[in-house]
N, C-alpha and C. Protein backbone atom coordinates (compact mmCIF):
# COMPACT_ATOMS: atom_id res chain seq x y z
N UNK A 1 43.35 6.75 -12.96
CA UNK A 1 43.54 5.44 -12.40
C UNK A 1 44.72 4.78 -13.11
N UNK A 2 45.45 4.00 -12.35
CA UNK A 2 46.61 3.34 -12.92
C UNK A 2 46.16 2.16 -13.77
N UNK A 3 47.00 1.76 -14.71
CA UNK A 3 46.68 0.71 -15.67
C UNK A 3 46.45 -0.63 -14.97
N UNK A 4 47.27 -0.99 -13.98
CA UNK A 4 47.10 -2.29 -13.34
C UNK A 4 45.79 -2.36 -12.55
N UNK A 5 45.30 -1.24 -12.04
CA UNK A 5 44.02 -1.21 -11.33
C UNK A 5 42.89 -1.42 -12.32
N UNK A 6 42.98 -0.79 -13.50
CA UNK A 6 41.96 -0.97 -14.53
C UNK A 6 41.93 -2.43 -15.00
N UNK A 7 43.08 -3.03 -15.17
CA UNK A 7 43.14 -4.43 -15.61
C UNK A 7 42.55 -5.34 -14.54
N UNK A 8 42.88 -5.13 -13.30
CA UNK A 8 42.36 -5.95 -12.20
C UNK A 8 40.85 -5.78 -12.08
N UNK A 9 40.37 -4.56 -12.19
CA UNK A 9 38.93 -4.30 -12.12
C UNK A 9 38.20 -4.96 -13.29
N UNK A 10 38.77 -4.86 -14.48
CA UNK A 10 38.18 -5.51 -15.65
C UNK A 10 38.12 -7.03 -15.49
N UNK A 11 39.17 -7.61 -14.92
CA UNK A 11 39.21 -9.05 -14.69
C UNK A 11 38.13 -9.47 -13.69
N UNK A 12 37.97 -8.71 -12.62
CA UNK A 12 36.96 -9.02 -11.60
C UNK A 12 35.56 -8.95 -12.21
N UNK A 13 35.30 -7.94 -13.01
CA UNK A 13 33.98 -7.80 -13.67
C UNK A 13 33.75 -8.97 -14.61
N UNK A 14 34.77 -9.35 -15.37
CA UNK A 14 34.64 -10.48 -16.30
C UNK A 14 34.32 -11.78 -15.57
N UNK A 15 35.02 -12.04 -14.48
CA UNK A 15 34.78 -13.26 -13.70
C UNK A 15 33.37 -13.24 -13.09
N UNK A 16 32.93 -12.09 -12.59
CA UNK A 16 31.60 -11.98 -12.01
C UNK A 16 30.52 -12.24 -13.07
N UNK A 17 30.67 -11.67 -14.26
CA UNK A 17 29.71 -11.89 -15.33
C UNK A 17 29.69 -13.35 -15.77
N UNK A 18 30.86 -13.96 -15.87
CA UNK A 18 30.94 -15.37 -16.24
C UNK A 18 30.24 -16.24 -15.19
N UNK A 19 30.42 -15.92 -13.92
CA UNK A 19 29.75 -16.65 -12.85
C UNK A 19 28.24 -16.51 -12.90
N UNK A 20 27.77 -15.30 -13.14
CA UNK A 20 26.33 -15.06 -13.23
C UNK A 20 25.73 -15.80 -14.41
N UNK A 21 26.39 -15.73 -15.58
CA UNK A 21 25.89 -16.43 -16.76
C UNK A 21 25.90 -17.95 -16.56
N UNK A 22 26.94 -18.47 -15.92
CA UNK A 22 27.00 -19.90 -15.64
C UNK A 22 25.88 -20.34 -14.70
N UNK A 23 25.61 -19.55 -13.68
CA UNK A 23 24.54 -19.87 -12.74
C UNK A 23 23.18 -19.85 -13.43
N UNK A 24 22.95 -18.86 -14.29
CA UNK A 24 21.69 -18.79 -15.02
C UNK A 24 21.52 -20.00 -15.95
N UNK A 25 22.60 -20.41 -16.59
CA UNK A 25 22.54 -21.57 -17.47
C UNK A 25 22.15 -22.82 -16.67
N UNK A 26 22.81 -23.05 -15.55
CA UNK A 26 22.51 -24.23 -14.74
C UNK A 26 21.11 -24.17 -14.14
N UNK A 27 20.66 -22.99 -13.77
CA UNK A 27 19.32 -22.84 -13.20
C UNK A 27 18.25 -23.19 -14.22
N UNK A 28 18.45 -22.81 -15.47
CA UNK A 28 17.46 -23.04 -16.52
C UNK A 28 17.66 -24.33 -17.30
N UNK A 29 18.63 -25.14 -16.90
CA UNK A 29 18.91 -26.39 -17.57
C UNK A 29 17.75 -27.36 -17.37
N UNK A 30 17.22 -27.90 -18.45
CA UNK A 30 16.10 -28.84 -18.38
C UNK A 30 16.61 -30.25 -18.11
N UNK A 31 15.80 -31.02 -17.40
CA UNK A 31 16.13 -32.42 -17.19
C UNK A 31 15.99 -33.15 -18.52
N UNK A 32 16.87 -34.12 -18.74
CA UNK A 32 16.74 -34.88 -19.97
C UNK A 32 15.51 -35.78 -19.88
N UNK A 33 14.95 -36.09 -21.02
CA UNK A 33 13.78 -36.96 -21.07
C UNK A 33 14.24 -38.39 -20.85
N UNK A 34 13.98 -38.94 -19.69
CA UNK A 34 14.47 -40.27 -19.34
C UNK A 34 13.86 -41.36 -20.21
N UNK A 35 12.68 -41.13 -20.76
CA UNK A 35 12.07 -42.14 -21.62
C UNK A 35 12.89 -42.34 -22.89
N UNK A 36 13.61 -41.29 -23.32
CA UNK A 36 14.41 -41.37 -24.53
C UNK A 36 15.90 -41.54 -24.25
N UNK A 37 16.31 -41.38 -23.01
CA UNK A 37 17.72 -41.46 -22.65
C UNK A 37 18.21 -42.90 -22.71
N UNK A 38 19.47 -43.06 -23.07
CA UNK A 38 20.09 -44.39 -23.12
C UNK A 38 20.59 -44.72 -21.72
N UNK A 39 20.16 -45.87 -21.15
CA UNK A 39 20.61 -46.21 -19.80
C UNK A 39 22.08 -46.62 -19.79
N UNK A 40 22.77 -46.24 -18.72
CA UNK A 40 24.14 -46.67 -18.51
C UNK A 40 24.18 -48.11 -18.01
N UNK A 41 23.16 -48.48 -17.21
CA UNK A 41 23.07 -49.83 -16.65
C UNK A 41 21.62 -50.28 -16.66
N UNK A 42 21.41 -51.58 -16.90
CA UNK A 42 20.09 -52.20 -16.79
C UNK A 42 20.20 -53.25 -15.69
N UNK A 43 19.45 -53.05 -14.61
CA UNK A 43 19.54 -53.93 -13.44
C UNK A 43 18.15 -54.18 -12.87
N UNK A 44 18.07 -55.18 -12.01
CA UNK A 44 16.83 -55.39 -11.25
C UNK A 44 16.95 -54.64 -9.94
N UNK A 45 15.84 -54.38 -9.31
CA UNK A 45 15.84 -53.66 -8.03
C UNK A 45 16.60 -54.45 -6.97
N UNK A 46 16.47 -55.77 -6.98
CA UNK A 46 17.15 -56.62 -6.01
C UNK A 46 18.67 -56.53 -6.16
N UNK A 47 19.15 -56.61 -7.40
CA UNK A 47 20.60 -56.55 -7.66
C UNK A 47 21.15 -55.17 -7.28
N UNK A 48 20.42 -54.12 -7.60
CA UNK A 48 20.87 -52.76 -7.29
C UNK A 48 20.97 -52.54 -5.78
N UNK A 49 19.94 -52.92 -5.06
CA UNK A 49 19.95 -52.75 -3.60
C UNK A 49 21.05 -53.60 -2.97
N UNK A 50 21.24 -54.81 -3.45
CA UNK A 50 22.27 -55.72 -2.91
C UNK A 50 23.66 -55.15 -3.15
N UNK A 51 23.88 -54.51 -4.31
CA UNK A 51 25.18 -53.91 -4.60
C UNK A 51 25.52 -52.83 -3.59
N UNK A 52 24.55 -51.98 -3.24
CA UNK A 52 24.78 -50.92 -2.25
C UNK A 52 24.93 -51.51 -0.85
N UNK A 53 24.18 -52.55 -0.56
CA UNK A 53 24.25 -53.17 0.76
C UNK A 53 25.61 -53.86 0.97
N UNK A 54 26.11 -54.53 -0.06
CA UNK A 54 27.38 -55.26 0.06
C UNK A 54 28.59 -54.34 0.11
N UNK A 55 28.64 -53.33 -0.77
CA UNK A 55 29.78 -52.43 -0.82
C UNK A 55 29.30 -51.06 -1.32
N UNK A 56 28.89 -50.24 -0.38
CA UNK A 56 28.31 -48.94 -0.73
C UNK A 56 29.28 -48.05 -1.50
N UNK A 57 30.55 -48.08 -1.15
CA UNK A 57 31.54 -47.23 -1.82
C UNK A 57 31.69 -47.61 -3.29
N UNK A 58 31.84 -48.89 -3.56
CA UNK A 58 32.00 -49.35 -4.95
C UNK A 58 30.72 -49.11 -5.75
N UNK A 59 29.57 -49.37 -5.14
CA UNK A 59 28.30 -49.17 -5.84
C UNK A 59 28.06 -47.68 -6.11
N UNK A 60 28.46 -46.83 -5.19
CA UNK A 60 28.30 -45.39 -5.39
C UNK A 60 29.12 -44.92 -6.57
N UNK A 61 30.38 -45.39 -6.66
CA UNK A 61 31.23 -45.01 -7.79
C UNK A 61 30.65 -45.51 -9.11
N UNK A 62 30.01 -46.67 -9.07
CA UNK A 62 29.48 -47.28 -10.29
C UNK A 62 28.16 -46.67 -10.74
N UNK A 63 27.24 -46.40 -9.80
CA UNK A 63 25.87 -46.06 -10.16
C UNK A 63 25.46 -44.60 -9.98
N UNK A 64 26.02 -43.87 -9.00
CA UNK A 64 25.54 -42.52 -8.72
C UNK A 64 25.80 -41.59 -9.90
N UNK A 65 24.80 -40.78 -10.22
CA UNK A 65 24.78 -39.84 -11.34
C UNK A 65 24.78 -40.55 -12.70
N UNK A 66 24.39 -41.81 -12.71
CA UNK A 66 24.24 -42.57 -13.95
C UNK A 66 22.76 -42.83 -14.20
N UNK A 67 22.42 -43.06 -15.45
CA UNK A 67 21.04 -43.38 -15.81
C UNK A 67 20.87 -44.90 -15.71
N UNK A 68 19.93 -45.32 -14.88
CA UNK A 68 19.68 -46.74 -14.64
C UNK A 68 18.29 -47.12 -15.13
N UNK A 69 18.20 -48.30 -15.71
CA UNK A 69 16.90 -48.87 -16.04
C UNK A 69 16.69 -50.01 -15.05
N UNK A 70 15.72 -49.83 -14.16
CA UNK A 70 15.50 -50.76 -13.06
C UNK A 70 14.14 -51.42 -13.21
N UNK A 71 14.13 -52.74 -13.04
CA UNK A 71 12.87 -53.47 -13.10
C UNK A 71 12.65 -54.21 -11.79
N UNK A 72 11.39 -54.40 -11.45
CA UNK A 72 11.05 -55.10 -10.22
C UNK A 72 9.57 -55.01 -9.94
N UNK A 73 9.16 -55.59 -8.81
CA UNK A 73 7.77 -55.56 -8.37
C UNK A 73 7.51 -54.31 -7.56
N UNK A 74 6.36 -53.72 -7.77
CA UNK A 74 5.97 -52.53 -7.01
C UNK A 74 5.60 -52.94 -5.59
N UNK A 75 6.22 -52.27 -4.61
CA UNK A 75 5.85 -52.46 -3.22
C UNK A 75 4.75 -51.47 -2.83
N UNK A 76 4.91 -50.20 -3.28
CA UNK A 76 3.90 -49.18 -2.99
C UNK A 76 4.02 -48.02 -3.96
N UNK A 77 2.92 -47.31 -4.13
CA UNK A 77 2.87 -46.09 -4.95
C UNK A 77 2.26 -45.00 -4.08
N UNK A 78 3.02 -43.90 -3.89
CA UNK A 78 2.55 -42.82 -3.02
C UNK A 78 2.75 -41.47 -3.69
N UNK A 79 1.86 -40.52 -3.43
CA UNK A 79 2.11 -39.16 -3.93
C UNK A 79 3.28 -38.54 -3.17
N UNK A 80 4.09 -37.77 -3.88
CA UNK A 80 5.21 -37.07 -3.27
C UNK A 80 5.01 -35.57 -3.46
N UNK A 81 6.04 -34.79 -3.17
CA UNK A 81 5.93 -33.34 -3.30
C UNK A 81 5.79 -32.91 -4.76
N UNK A 82 5.17 -31.77 -4.98
CA UNK A 82 5.05 -31.12 -6.29
C UNK A 82 4.46 -32.02 -7.37
N UNK A 83 3.42 -32.76 -7.03
CA UNK A 83 2.71 -33.63 -7.97
C UNK A 83 3.57 -34.77 -8.50
N UNK A 84 4.62 -35.11 -7.79
CA UNK A 84 5.46 -36.25 -8.16
C UNK A 84 4.86 -37.51 -7.56
N UNK A 85 5.24 -38.65 -8.11
CA UNK A 85 4.81 -39.94 -7.60
C UNK A 85 6.06 -40.69 -7.13
N UNK A 86 5.97 -41.31 -5.97
CA UNK A 86 7.07 -42.10 -5.42
C UNK A 86 6.70 -43.57 -5.50
N UNK A 87 7.50 -44.34 -6.23
CA UNK A 87 7.24 -45.77 -6.41
C UNK A 87 8.35 -46.55 -5.73
N UNK A 88 7.97 -47.41 -4.78
CA UNK A 88 8.94 -48.27 -4.08
C UNK A 88 8.92 -49.64 -4.74
N UNK A 89 10.11 -50.18 -4.99
CA UNK A 89 10.24 -51.50 -5.60
C UNK A 89 10.73 -52.50 -4.57
N UNK A 90 10.21 -53.70 -4.62
CA UNK A 90 10.59 -54.78 -3.71
C UNK A 90 12.02 -55.21 -4.01
N UNK A 91 12.81 -55.41 -2.94
CA UNK A 91 14.20 -55.84 -3.13
C UNK A 91 14.52 -57.15 -2.41
N UNK A 92 13.61 -57.68 -1.64
CA UNK A 92 13.90 -58.87 -0.85
C UNK A 92 14.44 -58.53 0.52
N UNK A 93 14.71 -57.27 0.78
CA UNK A 93 15.18 -56.80 2.08
C UNK A 93 14.06 -55.94 2.67
N UNK A 94 13.55 -56.35 3.83
CA UNK A 94 12.43 -55.63 4.44
C UNK A 94 12.80 -54.22 4.89
N UNK A 95 14.09 -53.95 5.11
CA UNK A 95 14.52 -52.65 5.61
C UNK A 95 14.92 -51.68 4.51
N UNK A 96 15.05 -52.17 3.29
CA UNK A 96 15.56 -51.33 2.22
C UNK A 96 14.83 -51.62 0.92
N UNK A 97 14.64 -50.59 0.11
CA UNK A 97 13.99 -50.76 -1.19
C UNK A 97 14.63 -49.81 -2.18
N UNK A 98 14.13 -49.84 -3.40
CA UNK A 98 14.53 -48.88 -4.42
C UNK A 98 13.36 -47.92 -4.57
N UNK A 99 13.60 -46.63 -4.33
CA UNK A 99 12.54 -45.63 -4.42
C UNK A 99 12.76 -44.79 -5.67
N UNK A 100 11.77 -44.79 -6.54
CA UNK A 100 11.84 -44.06 -7.80
C UNK A 100 10.85 -42.90 -7.74
N UNK A 101 11.33 -41.69 -7.97
CA UNK A 101 10.49 -40.51 -7.97
C UNK A 101 10.21 -40.12 -9.42
N UNK A 102 8.93 -40.10 -9.78
CA UNK A 102 8.51 -39.84 -11.16
C UNK A 102 7.79 -38.49 -11.23
N UNK A 103 8.23 -37.59 -12.11
CA UNK A 103 7.58 -36.28 -12.22
C UNK A 103 6.23 -36.31 -12.90
N UNK A 104 6.04 -37.21 -13.84
CA UNK A 104 4.77 -37.18 -14.58
C UNK A 104 4.38 -38.57 -15.05
N UNK A 105 3.36 -39.11 -14.43
CA UNK A 105 2.74 -40.34 -14.91
C UNK A 105 1.29 -39.98 -15.14
N UNK A 106 0.83 -40.19 -16.36
CA UNK A 106 -0.51 -39.72 -16.74
C UNK A 106 -1.60 -40.28 -15.85
N UNK A 107 -1.51 -41.55 -15.48
CA UNK A 107 -2.54 -42.16 -14.66
C UNK A 107 -1.89 -43.04 -13.59
N UNK A 108 -1.55 -42.46 -12.43
CA UNK A 108 -0.89 -43.26 -11.39
C UNK A 108 -1.77 -44.38 -10.84
N UNK A 109 -3.08 -44.31 -11.04
CA UNK A 109 -3.95 -45.36 -10.55
C UNK A 109 -3.76 -46.67 -11.33
N UNK A 110 -3.09 -46.60 -12.48
CA UNK A 110 -2.83 -47.82 -13.25
C UNK A 110 -1.72 -48.66 -12.61
N UNK A 111 -1.01 -48.09 -11.63
CA UNK A 111 0.06 -48.79 -10.95
C UNK A 111 -0.43 -49.28 -9.60
N UNK A 112 -0.18 -50.56 -9.31
CA UNK A 112 -0.57 -51.08 -8.00
C UNK A 112 0.46 -52.08 -7.51
N UNK A 113 0.47 -52.31 -6.23
CA UNK A 113 1.45 -53.20 -5.60
C UNK A 113 1.37 -54.59 -6.22
N UNK A 114 2.55 -55.18 -6.41
CA UNK A 114 2.63 -56.53 -6.94
C UNK A 114 2.88 -56.61 -8.44
N UNK A 115 2.68 -55.51 -9.15
CA UNK A 115 2.89 -55.50 -10.60
C UNK A 115 4.38 -55.39 -10.92
N UNK A 116 4.78 -56.03 -12.02
CA UNK A 116 6.15 -55.88 -12.52
C UNK A 116 6.22 -54.56 -13.29
N UNK A 117 7.32 -53.84 -13.11
CA UNK A 117 7.46 -52.53 -13.73
C UNK A 117 8.92 -52.30 -14.09
N UNK A 118 9.14 -51.50 -15.11
CA UNK A 118 10.50 -51.07 -15.47
C UNK A 118 10.50 -49.55 -15.54
N UNK A 119 11.44 -48.95 -14.81
CA UNK A 119 11.58 -47.50 -14.75
C UNK A 119 13.00 -47.10 -15.13
N UNK A 120 13.15 -45.92 -15.69
CA UNK A 120 14.47 -45.39 -16.02
C UNK A 120 14.63 -44.06 -15.32
N UNK A 121 15.74 -43.90 -14.59
CA UNK A 121 15.98 -42.65 -13.87
C UNK A 121 17.43 -42.51 -13.49
N UNK A 122 17.75 -41.38 -12.86
CA UNK A 122 19.12 -41.08 -12.45
C UNK A 122 19.31 -41.45 -10.99
N UNK A 123 20.31 -42.28 -10.72
CA UNK A 123 20.60 -42.71 -9.36
C UNK A 123 21.24 -41.55 -8.59
N UNK A 124 20.67 -41.23 -7.43
CA UNK A 124 21.21 -40.11 -6.66
C UNK A 124 21.82 -40.55 -5.34
N UNK A 125 21.77 -41.84 -5.01
CA UNK A 125 22.45 -42.26 -3.81
C UNK A 125 21.72 -43.34 -3.04
N UNK A 126 22.24 -43.59 -1.84
CA UNK A 126 21.75 -44.66 -0.98
C UNK A 126 21.64 -44.13 0.44
N UNK A 127 20.42 -44.08 0.96
CA UNK A 127 20.15 -43.69 2.34
C UNK A 127 19.17 -44.71 2.91
N UNK A 128 19.63 -45.90 3.22
CA UNK A 128 18.80 -47.05 3.60
C UNK A 128 18.00 -47.55 2.39
N UNK A 129 17.66 -46.69 1.48
CA UNK A 129 16.99 -47.05 0.23
C UNK A 129 17.83 -46.50 -0.92
N UNK A 130 17.79 -47.18 -2.05
CA UNK A 130 18.44 -46.65 -3.25
C UNK A 130 17.48 -45.64 -3.86
N UNK A 131 17.97 -44.44 -4.19
CA UNK A 131 17.11 -43.37 -4.68
C UNK A 131 17.35 -43.12 -6.16
N UNK A 132 16.26 -43.12 -6.93
CA UNK A 132 16.32 -42.77 -8.35
C UNK A 132 15.40 -41.58 -8.57
N UNK A 133 15.89 -40.56 -9.26
CA UNK A 133 15.13 -39.34 -9.50
C UNK A 133 14.80 -39.17 -10.97
N UNK A 134 13.77 -38.36 -11.23
CA UNK A 134 13.38 -38.01 -12.60
C UNK A 134 13.08 -39.26 -13.42
N UNK A 135 12.39 -40.22 -12.83
CA UNK A 135 12.14 -41.51 -13.49
C UNK A 135 11.03 -41.42 -14.53
N UNK A 136 11.16 -42.27 -15.52
CA UNK A 136 10.13 -42.41 -16.55
C UNK A 136 9.69 -43.87 -16.59
N UNK A 137 8.41 -44.08 -16.77
CA UNK A 137 7.85 -45.43 -16.87
C UNK A 137 8.21 -45.99 -18.24
N UNK A 138 8.90 -47.12 -18.25
CA UNK A 138 9.30 -47.76 -19.50
C UNK A 138 8.36 -48.90 -19.84
N UNK A 139 8.04 -49.74 -18.85
CA UNK A 139 7.16 -50.86 -19.09
C UNK A 139 6.39 -51.20 -17.83
N UNK A 140 5.13 -51.59 -18.03
CA UNK A 140 4.27 -51.95 -16.92
C UNK A 140 3.54 -53.23 -17.31
N UNK A 141 3.81 -54.30 -16.56
CA UNK A 141 3.16 -55.59 -16.83
C UNK A 141 2.13 -55.83 -15.75
N UNK A 142 0.88 -55.93 -16.14
CA UNK A 142 -0.19 -56.24 -15.18
C UNK A 142 0.00 -57.65 -14.65
N UNK A 143 -0.39 -57.85 -13.37
CA UNK A 143 -0.23 -59.18 -12.80
C UNK A 143 -1.26 -60.15 -13.31
């Protein structure tokens, strides 16, 4: 085999191995513990929803893929997929809310509509509702 063919083949194998190792790393990457993570922004659910409603492009640049600490009143608590809990926060807009998906809350029955709550999670976007994923319960004030 000619030298340039060996070099090209070696390069292709190297790139393939690097791609496989990178994919395995990303696949096994653990979510950060949101309870211990430092928030990039601390906002209320009303302010967050209003920011996306007023200027979705600017709010997306500011909040998406950032860790947010959001406080507000619980509108509803529902079970979601894979033993997750979905908590909707009141925003003052009947058509839109802030939906926080929590992977592990020890006792979801302790949460009920009307209570003030603070959650920390990663903002993933706006689809009529502002979506926060991997949320952790920071504070729960009984009414």
